[in-house]
Amino acid sequence: MSFFIADPEAGKILGAERGIPASKQVRDAIAPTLGDMDRTMSGYIAFISDKVSPLPPPPPRGAGEVLNLLLRTNESVAFKRVTAADAAKQFIRDTGDILARA
């Protein structure tokens, strides 16, 4: 994957086919081959690069599954299929299982 994202030679092959590359090194390598629209987009990326903060870290493993579990648990309590106390106990148990797998 790194080759496709960060290698200037791959960048020359792909160009801006999948958007403007995030890597400045790759953007510089493909700059001579860009059309007007792609050159404008690349210029915009260069312009804002030092004005934005880094991306936040990805969520921890299992976070999506725990969120889905929380929504299902909330729904079960809301529709009175289970008591809040029992749902909380089950949620903690199931969350532990999810995190153990992740």
Protein backbone atom coordinates (compact mmCIF):
# COMPACT_ATOMS: atom_id res chain seq x y z
CA MET A 1 0.00 0.00 0.00
CA SER A 2 2.84 2.33 0.87
CA PHE A 3 4.11 2.06 -2.71
CA PHE A 4 0.83 3.38 -4.13
CA ILE A 5 0.61 6.20 -1.61
CA ALA A 6 4.17 7.42 -1.12
CA ASP A 7 6.32 6.31 -4.05
CA PRO A 8 6.94 9.00 -6.70
CA GLU A 9 7.17 6.35 -9.45
CA ALA A 10 3.73 5.01 -8.54
CA GLY A 11 2.51 8.58 -8.45
CA LYS A 12 3.73 9.11 -12.00
CA ILE A 13 1.81 6.04 -13.13
CA LEU A 14 -1.41 6.91 -11.28
CA GLY A 15 -1.24 10.69 -11.68
CA ALA A 16 -4.30 12.30 -10.13
CA GLU A 17 -6.55 9.40 -11.13
CA ARG A 18 -7.61 8.88 -7.51
CA GLY A 19 -7.32 12.49 -6.44
CA ILE A 20 -4.37 14.65 -5.57
CA PRO A 21 -1.75 12.62 -3.66
CA ALA A 22 -1.31 13.49 0.00
CA SER A 23 2.47 13.14 -0.19
CA LYS A 24 4.24 16.36 -1.21
CA GLN A 25 7.01 14.29 -2.76
CA VAL A 26 4.51 12.49 -5.00
CA ARG A 27 2.67 15.75 -5.81
CA ASP A 28 5.98 17.30 -6.90
CA ALA A 29 6.76 14.25 -9.05
CA ILE A 30 3.46 14.40 -10.94
CA ALA A 31 3.18 18.20 -11.15
CA PRO A 32 4.54 18.45 -14.73
CA THR A 33 1.92 15.99 -15.99
CA LEU A 34 -1.16 17.59 -14.44
CA GLY A 35 -3.89 19.26 -16.44
CA ASP A 36 -5.31 22.65 -15.50
CA MET A 37 -7.96 21.36 -13.07
CA ASP A 38 -5.59 18.93 -11.33
CA ARG A 39 -2.91 21.63 -11.12
CA THR A 40 -5.44 23.96 -9.46
CA MET A 41 -6.43 21.27 -6.95
CA SER A 42 -2.78 20.47 -6.23
CA GLY A 43 -2.09 24.17 -5.68
CA TYR A 44 -4.98 24.37 -3.23
CA ILE A 45 -3.65 21.36 -1.29
CA ALA A 46 -0.21 23.01 -1.13
CA PHE A 47 -1.82 26.30 -0.01
CA ILE A 48 -3.79 24.79 2.90
CA SER A 49 -1.25 22.17 4.01
CA ASP A 50 0.41 24.39 6.61
CA LYS A 51 -2.92 25.83 7.76
CA VAL A 52 -4.62 22.65 8.94
CA SER A 53 -3.94 20.40 11.89
CA PRO A 54 -2.92 16.77 11.52
CA LEU A 55 -5.63 14.15 11.18
CA PRO A 56 -6.87 12.75 14.48
CA PRO A 57 -5.64 9.29 15.36
CA PRO A 58 -7.82 6.42 14.17
CA PRO A 59 -10.27 5.02 16.69
CA PRO A 60 -9.04 2.07 18.72
CA ARG A 61 -9.68 -1.44 17.45
CA GLY A 62 -13.19 -2.59 18.22
CA ALA A 63 -14.55 0.95 18.65
CA GLY A 64 -17.14 0.58 15.89
CA GLU A 65 -18.36 -2.72 17.26
CA VAL A 66 -18.64 -1.26 20.78
CA LEU A 67 -20.60 1.71 19.41
CA ASN A 68 -23.03 -0.65 17.65
CA LEU A 69 -23.40 -2.63 20.87
CA LEU A 70 -24.11 0.58 22.79
CA LEU A 71 -26.84 1.55 20.31
CA ARG A 72 -28.46 -1.89 20.49
CA THR A 73 -28.26 -1.86 24.30
CA ASN A 74 -29.81 1.60 24.45
CA GLU A 75 -32.63 0.48 22.17
CA SER A 76 -33.29 -2.59 24.31
CA VAL A 77 -33.63 -0.44 27.41
CA ALA A 78 -35.73 2.19 25.63
CA PHE A 79 -38.21 -0.44 24.43
CA LYS A 80 -38.24 -2.08 27.87
CA ARG A 81 -36.96 -5.42 26.60
CA VAL A 82 -34.42 -5.41 29.44
CA THR A 83 -33.83 -3.37 32.59
CA ALA A 84 -31.12 -0.73 32.61
CA ALA A 85 -29.20 -2.63 35.30
CA ASP A 86 -29.24 -5.91 33.34
CA ALA A 87 -28.40 -4.11 30.11
CA ALA A 88 -25.42 -2.41 31.76
CA LYS A 89 -24.07 -5.72 33.06
CA GLN A 90 -24.48 -7.35 29.64
CA PHE A 91 -22.92 -4.33 27.91
CA ILE A 92 -19.82 -4.50 30.11
CA ARG A 93 -19.53 -8.26 29.54
CA ASP A 94 -19.96 -7.96 25.76
CA THR A 95 -17.61 -4.98 25.54
CA GLY A 96 -14.95 -7.02 27.33
CA ASP A 97 -15.38 -9.79 24.77
CA ILE A 98 -15.11 -7.35 21.88
CA LEU A 99 -11.97 -5.70 23.25
CA ALA A 100 -10.39 -9.08 23.99
CA ARG A 101 -10.82 -10.03 20.30
CA ALA A 102 -9.54 -6.69 19.04
